[in-house]
Amino acid sequence: MSQDHTLLIKDSLKYSVTKIIPGVMGLIAVIVFIRMIGAEEYGKYSIQLSFLMAYSAFTIGWLNQSTLRYYSKYKNDQKLPQIFFIGL
């Protein structure tokens, strides 16, 4: 195998680990929460959290997108900290 393929496989394995660990931790957290508060209460919590996430995406998500869009344009500018402060 060439060095590029070896590097691709190596980086893919590293990336997989960084995705698998949070996934497993999230699954464990769900199991613990369900046992602590019960399935019915966890269902209510999940629905409320879903609505809250959708609400925040429509109300403040655009700030995140605009910051990401204009960061590269102003990254060498001295006013970059001011721009980020305004976004907060």
PDB file of N, CA and C in Angstrom:
ATOM      1  N   MET A   1       0.838  -1.189   0.000  1.00  0.00           N
ATOM      2  CA  MET A   1       0.000   0.000   0.000  1.00  0.00           C
ATOM      3  C   MET A   1       0.878   1.245   0.000  1.00  0.00           C
ATOM      4  N   SER A   2       0.360   2.271  -0.614  1.00  0.00           N
ATOM      5  CA  SER A   2       1.128   3.511  -0.649  1.00  0.00           C
ATOM      6  C   SER A   2       1.003   4.243   0.682  1.00  0.00           C
ATOM      7  N   GLN A   3       1.850   5.224   0.831  1.00  0.00           N
ATOM      8  CA  GLN A   3       1.856   5.994   2.072  1.00  0.00           C
ATOM      9  C   GLN A   3       0.544   6.765   2.242  1.00  0.00           C
ATOM     10  N   ASP A   4      -0.046   7.212   1.133  1.00  0.00           N
ATOM     11  CA  ASP A   4      -1.314   7.941   1.205  1.00  0.00           C
ATOM     12  C   ASP A   4      -2.439   7.060   1.740  1.00  0.00           C
ATOM     13  N   HIS A   5      -2.489   5.804   1.284  1.00  0.00           N
ATOM     14  CA  HIS A   5      -3.521   4.891   1.760  1.00  0.00           C
ATOM     15  C   HIS A   5      -3.320   4.561   3.232  1.00  0.00           C
ATOM     16  N   THR A   6      -2.087   4.376   3.629  1.00  0.00           N
ATOM     17  CA  THR A   6      -1.789   4.091   5.033  1.00  0.00           C
ATOM     18  C   THR A   6      -2.209   5.258   5.911  1.00  0.00           C
ATOM     19  N   LEU A   7      -1.899   6.463   5.471  1.00  0.00           N
ATOM     20  CA  LEU A   7      -2.278   7.656   6.221  1.00  0.00           C
ATOM     21  C   LEU A   7      -3.793   7.802   6.286  1.00  0.00           C
ATOM     22  N   LEU A   8      -4.475   7.505   5.185  1.00  0.00           N
ATOM     23  CA  LEU A   8      -5.937   7.576   5.156  1.00  0.00           C
ATOM     24  C   LEU A   8      -6.553   6.599   6.148  1.00  0.00           C
ATOM     25  N   ILE A   9      -6.071   5.385   6.173  1.00  0.00           N
ATOM     26  CA  ILE A   9      -6.595   4.375   7.101  1.00  0.00           C
ATOM     27  C   ILE A   9      -6.311   4.777   8.541  1.00  0.00           C
ATOM     28  N   LYS A  10      -5.113   5.243   8.799  1.00  0.00           N
ATOM     29  CA  LYS A  10      -4.727   5.664  10.154  1.00  0.00           C
ATOM     30  C   LYS A  10      -5.603   6.823  10.639  1.00  0.00           C
ATOM     31  N   ASP A  11      -5.789   7.825   9.793  1.00  0.00           N
ATOM     32  CA  ASP A  11      -6.629   8.965  10.163  1.00  0.00           C
ATOM     33  C   ASP A  11      -8.096   8.570  10.304  1.00  0.00           C
ATOM     34  N   SER A  12      -8.556   7.648   9.480  1.00  0.00           N
ATOM     35  CA  SER A  12      -9.938   7.172   9.581  1.00  0.00           C
ATOM     36  C   SER A  12     -10.181   6.458  10.901  1.00  0.00           C
ATOM     37  N   LEU A  13      -9.225   5.676  11.338  1.00  0.00           N
ATOM     38  CA  LEU A  13      -9.358   4.995  12.627  1.00  0.00           C
ATOM     39  C   LEU A  13      -9.394   5.998  13.775  1.00  0.00           C
ATOM     40  N   LYS A  14      -8.539   7.001  13.717  1.00  0.00           N
ATOM     41  CA  LYS A  14      -8.547   8.040  14.759  1.00  0.00           C
ATOM     42  C   LYS A  14      -9.891   8.762  14.781  1.00  0.00           C
ATOM     43  N   TYR A  15     -10.394   9.102  13.603  1.00  0.00           N
ATOM     44  CA  TYR A  15     -11.670   9.799  13.508  1.00  0.00           C
ATOM     45  C   TYR A  15     -12.807   8.928  14.031  1.00  0.00           C
ATOM     46  N   SER A  16     -12.765   7.644  13.715  1.00  0.00           N
ATOM     47  CA  SER A  16     -13.804   6.720  14.178  1.00  0.00           C
ATOM     48  C   SER A  16     -13.855   6.670  15.692  1.00  0.00           C
ATOM     49  N   VAL A  17     -12.697   6.640  16.323  1.00  0.00           N
ATOM     50  CA  VAL A  17     -12.648   6.605  17.786  1.00  0.00           C
ATOM     51  C   VAL A  17     -13.270   7.872  18.364  1.00  0.00           C
ATOM     52  N   THR A  18     -12.997   9.026  17.739  1.00  0.00           N
ATOM     53  CA  THR A  18     -13.556  10.274  18.261  1.00  0.00           C
ATOM     54  C   THR A  18     -15.063  10.359  18.071  1.00  0.00           C
ATOM     55  N   LYS A  19     -15.629   9.541  17.219  1.00  0.00           N
ATOM     56  CA  LYS A  19     -17.080   9.505  17.041  1.00  0.00           C
ATOM     57  C   LYS A  19     -17.729   8.402  17.867  1.00  0.00           C
ATOM     58  N   ILE A  20     -17.039   7.307  18.047  1.00  0.00           N
ATOM     59  CA  ILE A  20     -17.601   6.170  18.783  1.00  0.00           C
ATOM     60  C   ILE A  20     -17.678   6.468  20.274  1.00  0.00           C
ATOM     61  N   ILE A  21     -16.641   7.051  20.844  1.00  0.00           N
ATOM     62  CA  ILE A  21     -16.619   7.311  22.290  1.00  0.00           C
ATOM     63  C   ILE A  21     -17.766   8.230  22.717  1.00  0.00           C
ATOM     64  N   PRO A  22     -17.989   9.391  22.083  1.00  0.00           N
ATOM     65  CA  PRO A  22     -19.139  10.211  22.483  1.00  0.00           C
ATOM     66  C   PRO A  22     -20.479   9.516  22.262  1.00  0.00           C
ATOM     67  N   GLY A  23     -20.573   8.692  21.222  1.00  0.00           N
ATOM     68  CA  GLY A  23     -21.815   7.960  20.977  1.00  0.00           C
ATOM     69  C   GLY A  23     -22.125   6.981  22.089  1.00  0.00           C
ATOM     70  N   VAL A  24     -21.117   6.247  22.517  1.00  0.00           N
ATOM     71  CA  VAL A  24     -21.294   5.285  23.611  1.00  0.00           C
ATOM     72  C   VAL A  24     -21.605   6.021  24.910  1.00  0.00           C
ATOM     73  N   MET A  25     -20.915   7.128  25.161  1.00  0.00           N
ATOM     74  CA  MET A  25     -21.182   7.902  26.378  1.00  0.00           C
ATOM     75  C   MET A  25     -22.605   8.463  26.370  1.00  0.00           C
ATOM     76  N   GLY A  26     -23.075   8.903  25.214  1.00  0.00           N
ATOM     77  CA  GLY A  26     -24.451   9.389  25.106  1.00  0.00           C
ATOM     78  C   GLY A  26     -25.460   8.294  25.376  1.00  0.00           C
ATOM     79  N   LEU A  27     -25.201   7.106  24.867  1.00  0.00           N
ATOM     80  CA  LEU A  27     -26.088   5.968  25.112  1.00  0.00           C
ATOM     81  C   LEU A  27     -26.123   5.617  26.596  1.00  0.00           C
ATOM     82  N   ILE A  28     -24.978   5.612  27.230  1.00  0.00           N
ATOM     83  CA  ILE A  28     -24.914   5.331  28.673  1.00  0.00           C
ATOM     84  C   ILE A  28     -25.663   6.410  29.450  1.00  0.00           C
ATOM     85  N   ALA A  29     -25.506   7.673  29.038  1.00  0.00           N
ATOM     86  CA  ALA A  29     -26.197   8.766  29.722  1.00  0.00           C
ATOM     87  C   ALA A  29     -27.711   8.618  29.613  1.00  0.00           C
ATOM     88  N   VAL A  30     -28.204   8.225  28.449  1.00  0.00           N
ATOM     89  CA  VAL A  30     -29.648   8.024  28.273  1.00  0.00           C
ATOM     90  C   VAL A  30     -30.144   6.923  29.197  1.00  0.00           C
ATOM     91  N   ILE A  31     -29.422   5.834  29.274  1.00  0.00           N
ATOM     92  CA  ILE A  31     -29.822   4.726  30.153  1.00  0.00           C
ATOM     93  C   ILE A  31     -29.854   5.179  31.605  1.00  0.00           C
ATOM     94  N   VAL A  32     -28.843   5.930  32.025  1.00  0.00           N
ATOM     95  CA  VAL A  32     -28.793   6.419  33.410  1.00  0.00           C
ATOM     96  C   VAL A  32     -29.944   7.380  33.676  1.00  0.00           C
ATOM     97  N   PHE A  33     -30.200   8.315  32.756  1.00  0.00           N
ATOM     98  CA  PHE A  33     -31.297   9.265  32.947  1.00  0.00           C
ATOM     99  C   PHE A  33     -32.641   8.563  33.031  1.00  0.00           C
ATOM    100  N   ILE A  34     -32.861   7.573  32.184  1.00  0.00           N
ATOM    101  CA  ILE A  34     -34.131   6.850  32.209  1.00  0.00           C
ATOM    102  C   ILE A  34     -34.311   6.142  33.542  1.00  0.00           C
ATOM    103  N   ARG A  35     -33.264   5.561  34.055  1.00  0.00           N
ATOM    104  CA  ARG A  35     -33.367   4.882  35.353  1.00  0.00           C
ATOM    105  C   ARG A  35     -33.561   5.871  36.492  1.00  0.00           C
ATOM    106  N   MET A  36     -32.989   7.067  36.364  1.00  0.00           N
ATOM    107  CA  MET A  36     -33.112   8.058  37.435  1.00  0.00           C
ATOM    108  C   MET A  36     -34.497   8.704  37.465  1.00  0.00           C
ATOM    109  N   ILE A  37     -35.008   9.109  36.299  1.00  0.00           N
ATOM    110  CA  ILE A  37     -36.255   9.879  36.296  1.00  0.00           C
ATOM    111  C   ILE A  37     -37.440   9.138  35.701  1.00  0.00           C
ATOM    112  N   GLY A  38     -37.235   7.985  35.145  1.00  0.00           N
ATOM    113  CA  GLY A  38     -38.327   7.213  34.563  1.00  0.00           C
ATOM    114  C   GLY A  38     -38.503   7.501  33.083  1.00  0.00           C
ATOM    115  N   ALA A  39     -39.088   6.536  32.402  1.00  0.00           N
ATOM    116  CA  ALA A  39     -39.237   6.634  30.945  1.00  0.00           C
ATOM    117  C   ALA A  39     -40.195   7.751  30.539  1.00  0.00           C
ATOM    118  N   GLU A  40     -41.286   7.920  31.288  1.00  0.00           N
ATOM    119  CA  GLU A  40     -42.271   8.946  30.927  1.00  0.00           C
ATOM    120  C   GLU A  40     -41.686  10.349  31.062  1.00  0.00           C
ATOM    121  N   GLU A  41     -41.008  10.608  32.167  1.00  0.00           N
ATOM    122  CA  GLU A  41     -40.401  11.921  32.372  1.00  0.00           C
ATOM    123  C   GLU A  41     -39.273  12.172  31.372  1.00  0.00           C
ATOM    124  N   TYR A  42     -38.527  11.129  31.045  1.00  0.00           N
ATOM    125  CA  TYR A  42     -37.464  11.292  30.051  1.00  0.00           C
ATOM    126  C   TYR A  42     -38.059  11.608  28.677  1.00  0.00           C
ATOM    127  N   GLY A  43     -39.189  11.023  28.372  1.00  0.00           N
ATOM    128  CA  GLY A  43     -39.871  11.332  27.115  1.00  0.00           C
ATOM    129  C   GLY A  43     -40.279  12.795  27.053  1.00  0.00           C
ATOM    130  N   LYS A  44     -40.833  13.315  28.155  1.00  0.00           N
ATOM    131  CA  LYS A  44     -41.198  14.737  28.214  1.00  0.00           C
ATOM    132  C   LYS A  44     -39.963  15.620  28.053  1.00  0.00           C
ATOM    133  N   TYR A  45     -38.890  15.234  28.733  1.00  0.00           N
ATOM    134  CA  TYR A  45     -37.631  15.974  28.643  1.00  0.00           C
ATOM    135  C   TYR A  45     -37.119  15.991  27.204  1.00  0.00           C
ATOM    136  N   SER A  46     -37.167  14.864  26.529  1.00  0.00           N
ATOM    137  CA  SER A  46     -36.673  14.765  25.151  1.00  0.00           C
ATOM    138  C   SER A  46     -37.474  15.641  24.198  1.00  0.00           C
ATOM    139  N   ILE A  47     -38.785  15.660  24.369  1.00  0.00           N
ATOM    140  CA  ILE A  47     -39.634  16.492  23.513  1.00  0.00           C
ATOM    141  C   ILE A  47     -39.343  17.968  23.749  1.00  0.00           C
ATOM    142  N   GLN A  48     -39.225  18.363  25.016  1.00  0.00           N
ATOM    143  CA  GLN A  48     -38.917  19.759  25.318  1.00  0.00           C
ATOM    144  C   GLN A  48     -37.546  20.151  24.781  1.00  0.00           C
ATOM    145  N   LEU A  49     -36.579  19.268  24.913  1.00  0.00           N
ATOM    146  CA  LEU A  49     -35.242  19.544  24.403  1.00  0.00           C
ATOM    147  C   LEU A  49     -35.246  19.682  22.881  1.00  0.00           C
ATOM    148  N   SER A  50     -36.034  18.867  22.210  1.00  0.00           N
ATOM    149  CA  SER A  50     -36.133  18.956  20.748  1.00  0.00           C
ATOM    150  C   SER A  50     -36.701  20.299  20.314  1.00  0.00           C
ATOM    151  N   PHE A  51     -37.757  20.749  20.975  1.00  0.00           N
ATOM    152  CA  PHE A  51     -38.333  22.049  20.649  1.00  0.00           C
ATOM    153  C   PHE A  51     -37.354  23.178  20.946  1.00  0.00           C
ATOM    154  N   LEU A  52     -36.643  23.080  22.057  1.00  0.00           N
ATOM    155  CA  LEU A  52     -35.672  24.106  22.418  1.00  0.00           C
ATOM    156  C   LEU A  52     -34.536  24.182  21.400  1.00  0.00           C
ATOM    157  N   MET A  53     -34.057  23.049  20.943  1.00  0.00           N
ATOM    158  CA  MET A  53     -32.980  23.031  19.947  1.00  0.00           C
ATOM    159  C   MET A  53     -33.458  23.625  18.619  1.00  0.00           C
ATOM    160  N   ALA A  54     -34.670  23.304  18.212  1.00  0.00           N
ATOM    161  CA  ALA A  54     -35.216  23.869  16.974  1.00  0.00           C
ATOM    162  C   ALA A  54     -35.405  25.379  17.118  1.00  0.00           C
ATOM    163  N   TYR A  55     -35.908  25.810  18.263  1.00  0.00           N
ATOM    164  CA  TYR A  55     -36.100  27.237  18.527  1.00  0.00           C
ATOM    165  C   TYR A  55     -34.773  27.987  18.471  1.00  0.00           C
ATOM    166  N   SER A  56     -33.744  27.433  19.103  1.00  0.00           N
ATOM    167  CA  SER A  56     -32.449  28.113  19.100  1.00  0.00           C
ATOM    168  C   SER A  56     -31.834  28.136  17.705  1.00  0.00           C
ATOM    169  N   ALA A  57     -32.078  27.116  16.907  1.00  0.00           N
ATOM    170  CA  ALA A  57     -31.553  27.107  15.537  1.00  0.00           C
ATOM    171  C   ALA A  57     -32.161  28.242  14.722  1.00  0.00           C
ATOM    172  N   PHE A  58     -33.446  28.527  14.934  1.00  0.00           N
ATOM    173  CA  PHE A  58     -34.101  29.586  14.176  1.00  0.00           C
ATOM    174  C   PHE A  58     -33.850  30.971  14.755  1.00  0.00           C
ATOM    175  N   THR A  59     -33.583  31.068  16.051  1.00  0.00           N
ATOM    176  CA  THR A  59     -33.428  32.387  16.654  1.00  0.00           C
ATOM    177  C   THR A  59     -31.987  32.860  16.718  1.00  0.00           C
ATOM    178  N   ILE A  60     -31.045  31.985  17.073  1.00  0.00           N
ATOM    179  CA  ILE A  60     -29.658  32.428  17.194  1.00  0.00           C
ATOM    180  C   ILE A  60     -28.689  31.640  16.324  1.00  0.00           C
ATOM    181  N   GLY A  61     -29.161  30.658  15.620  1.00  0.00           N
ATOM    182  CA  GLY A  61     -28.286  29.855  14.776  1.00  0.00           C
ATOM    183  C   GLY A  61     -27.646  30.650  13.659  1.00  0.00           C
ATOM    184  N   TRP A  62     -28.328  31.671  13.189  1.00  0.00           N
ATOM    185  CA  TRP A  62     -27.793  32.493  12.113  1.00  0.00           C
ATOM    186  C   TRP A  62     -26.548  33.246  12.548  1.00  0.00           C
ATOM    187  N   LEU A  63     -26.426  33.557  13.843  1.00  0.00           N
ATOM    188  CA  LEU A  63     -25.219  34.227  14.329  1.00  0.00           C
ATOM    189  C   LEU A  63     -23.997  33.336  14.147  1.00  0.00           C
ATOM    190  N   ASN A  64     -24.186  32.083  14.470  1.00  0.00           N
ATOM    191  CA  ASN A  64     -23.107  31.116  14.300  1.00  0.00           C
ATOM    192  C   ASN A  64     -22.691  31.021  12.841  1.00  0.00           C
ATOM    193  N   GLN A  65     -23.661  30.923  11.961  1.00  0.00           N
ATOM    194  CA  GLN A  65     -23.368  30.788  10.540  1.00  0.00           C
ATOM    195  C   GLN A  65     -22.657  32.021   9.984  1.00  0.00           C
ATOM    196  N   SER A  66     -23.092  33.192  10.395  1.00  0.00           N
ATOM    197  CA  SER A  66     -22.444  34.403   9.887  1.00  0.00           C
ATOM    198  C   SER A  66     -21.023  34.534  10.415  1.00  0.00           C
ATOM    199  N   THR A  67     -20.795  34.132  11.650  1.00  0.00           N
ATOM    200  CA  THR A  67     -19.439  34.158  12.199  1.00  0.00           C
ATOM    201  C   THR A  67     -18.531  33.226  11.418  1.00  0.00           C
ATOM    202  N   LEU A  68     -19.007  32.033  11.130  1.00  0.00           N
ATOM    203  CA  LEU A  68     -18.205  31.088  10.359  1.00  0.00           C
ATOM    204  C   LEU A  68     -17.951  31.594   8.938  1.00  0.00           C
ATOM    205  N   ARG A  69     -18.932  32.245   8.377  1.00  0.00           N
ATOM    206  CA  ARG A  69     -18.793  32.716   6.995  1.00  0.00           C
ATOM    207  C   ARG A  69     -17.754  33.820   6.871  1.00  0.00           C
ATOM    208  N   TYR A  70     -17.773  34.781   7.787  1.00  0.00           N
ATOM    209  CA  TYR A  70     -16.908  35.942   7.657  1.00  0.00           C
ATOM    210  C   TYR A  70     -15.582  35.813   8.401  1.00  0.00           C
ATOM    211  N   TYR A  71     -15.377  34.738   9.121  1.00  0.00           N
ATOM    212  CA  TYR A  71     -14.128  34.568   9.869  1.00  0.00           C
ATOM    213  C   TYR A  71     -12.914  34.597   8.948  1.00  0.00           C
ATOM    214  N   SER A  72     -12.959  33.836   7.869  1.00  0.00           N
ATOM    215  CA  SER A  72     -11.797  33.761   6.978  1.00  0.00           C
ATOM    216  C   SER A  72     -11.493  35.111   6.326  1.00  0.00           C
ATOM    217  N   LYS A  73     -12.520  35.905   6.101  1.00  0.00           N
ATOM    218  CA  LYS A  73     -12.316  37.214   5.478  1.00  0.00           C
ATOM    219  C   LYS A  73     -11.600  38.174   6.423  1.00  0.00           C
ATOM    220  N   TYR A  74     -11.892  38.091   7.715  1.00  0.00           N
ATOM    221  CA  TYR A  74     -11.358  39.046   8.677  1.00  0.00           C
ATOM    222  C   TYR A  74     -10.338  38.448   9.640  1.00  0.00           C
ATOM    223  N   LYS A  75      -9.845  37.245   9.384  1.00  0.00           N
ATOM    224  CA  LYS A  75      -8.960  36.603  10.362  1.00  0.00           C
ATOM    225  C   LYS A  75      -7.636  37.334  10.540  1.00  0.00           C
ATOM    226  N   ASN A  76      -7.180  38.074   9.549  1.00  0.00           N
ATOM    227  CA  ASN A  76      -5.938  38.837   9.684  1.00  0.00           C
ATOM    228  C   ASN A  76      -6.184  40.280  10.102  1.00  0.00           C
ATOM    229  N   ASP A  77      -7.421  40.630  10.301  1.00  0.00           N
ATOM    230  CA  ASP A  77      -7.792  41.987  10.683  1.00  0.00           C
ATOM    231  C   ASP A  77      -7.673  42.138  12.200  1.00  0.00           C
ATOM    232  N   GLN A  78      -7.280  43.315  12.637  1.00  0.00           N
ATOM    233  CA  GLN A  78      -7.139  43.577  14.072  1.00  0.00           C
ATOM    234  C   GLN A  78      -8.496  43.694  14.765  1.00  0.00           C
ATOM    235  N   LYS A  79      -9.551  43.849  14.009  1.00  0.00           N
ATOM    236  CA  LYS A  79     -10.883  44.020  14.586  1.00  0.00           C
ATOM    237  C   LYS A  79     -11.605  42.698  14.816  1.00  0.00           C
ATOM    238  N   LEU A  80     -10.940  41.589  14.573  1.00  0.00           N
ATOM    239  CA  LEU A  80     -11.590  40.288  14.727  1.00  0.00           C
ATOM    240  C   LEU A  80     -12.143  40.064  16.135  1.00  0.00           C
ATOM    241  N   PRO A  81     -11.409  40.380  17.214  1.00  0.00           N
ATOM    242  CA  PRO A  81     -12.006  40.208  18.554  1.00  0.00           C
ATOM    243  C   PRO A  81     -13.277  41.028  18.749  1.00  0.00           C
ATOM    244  N   GLN A  82     -13.317  42.221  18.175  1.00  0.00           N
ATOM    245  CA  GLN A  82     -14.522  43.047  18.287  1.00  0.00           C
ATOM    246  C   GLN A  82     -15.692  42.407  17.551  1.00  0.00           C
ATOM    247  N   ILE A  83     -15.408  41.831  16.398  1.00  0.00           N
ATOM    248  CA  ILE A  83     -16.463  41.181  15.617  1.00  0.00           C
ATOM    249  C   ILE A  83     -17.034  40.000  16.388  1.00  0.00           C
ATOM    250  N   PHE A  84     -16.167  39.202  17.004  1.00  0.00           N
ATOM    251  CA  PHE A  84     -16.649  38.067  17.784  1.00  0.00           C
ATOM    252  C   PHE A  84     -17.416  38.527  19.017  1.00  0.00           C
ATOM    253  N   PHE A  85     -16.985  39.606  19.652  1.00  0.00           N
ATOM    254  CA  PHE A  85     -17.685  40.110  20.825  1.00  0.00           C
ATOM    255  C   PHE A  85     -19.088  40.570  20.457  1.00  0.00           C
ATOM    256  N   ILE A  86     -19.244  41.197  19.314  1.00  0.00           N
ATOM    257  CA  ILE A  86     -20.566  41.631  18.857  1.00  0.00           C
ATOM    258  C   ILE A  86     -21.465  40.421  18.631  1.00  0.00           C
ATOM    259  N   GLY A  87     -20.885  39.322  18.145  1.00  0.00           N
ATOM    260  CA  GLY A  87     -21.653  38.106  17.901  1.00  0.00           C
ATOM    261  C   GLY A  87     -22.148  37.440  19.168  1.00  0.00           C
ATOM    262  N   LEU A  88     -21.520  37.731  20.293  1.00  0.00           N
ATOM    263  CA  LEU A  88     -21.965  37.131  21.549  1.00  0.00           C
ATOM    264  C   LEU A  88     -23.193  37.838  22.032  1.00  0.00           C
TER     265      LEU A  88
END
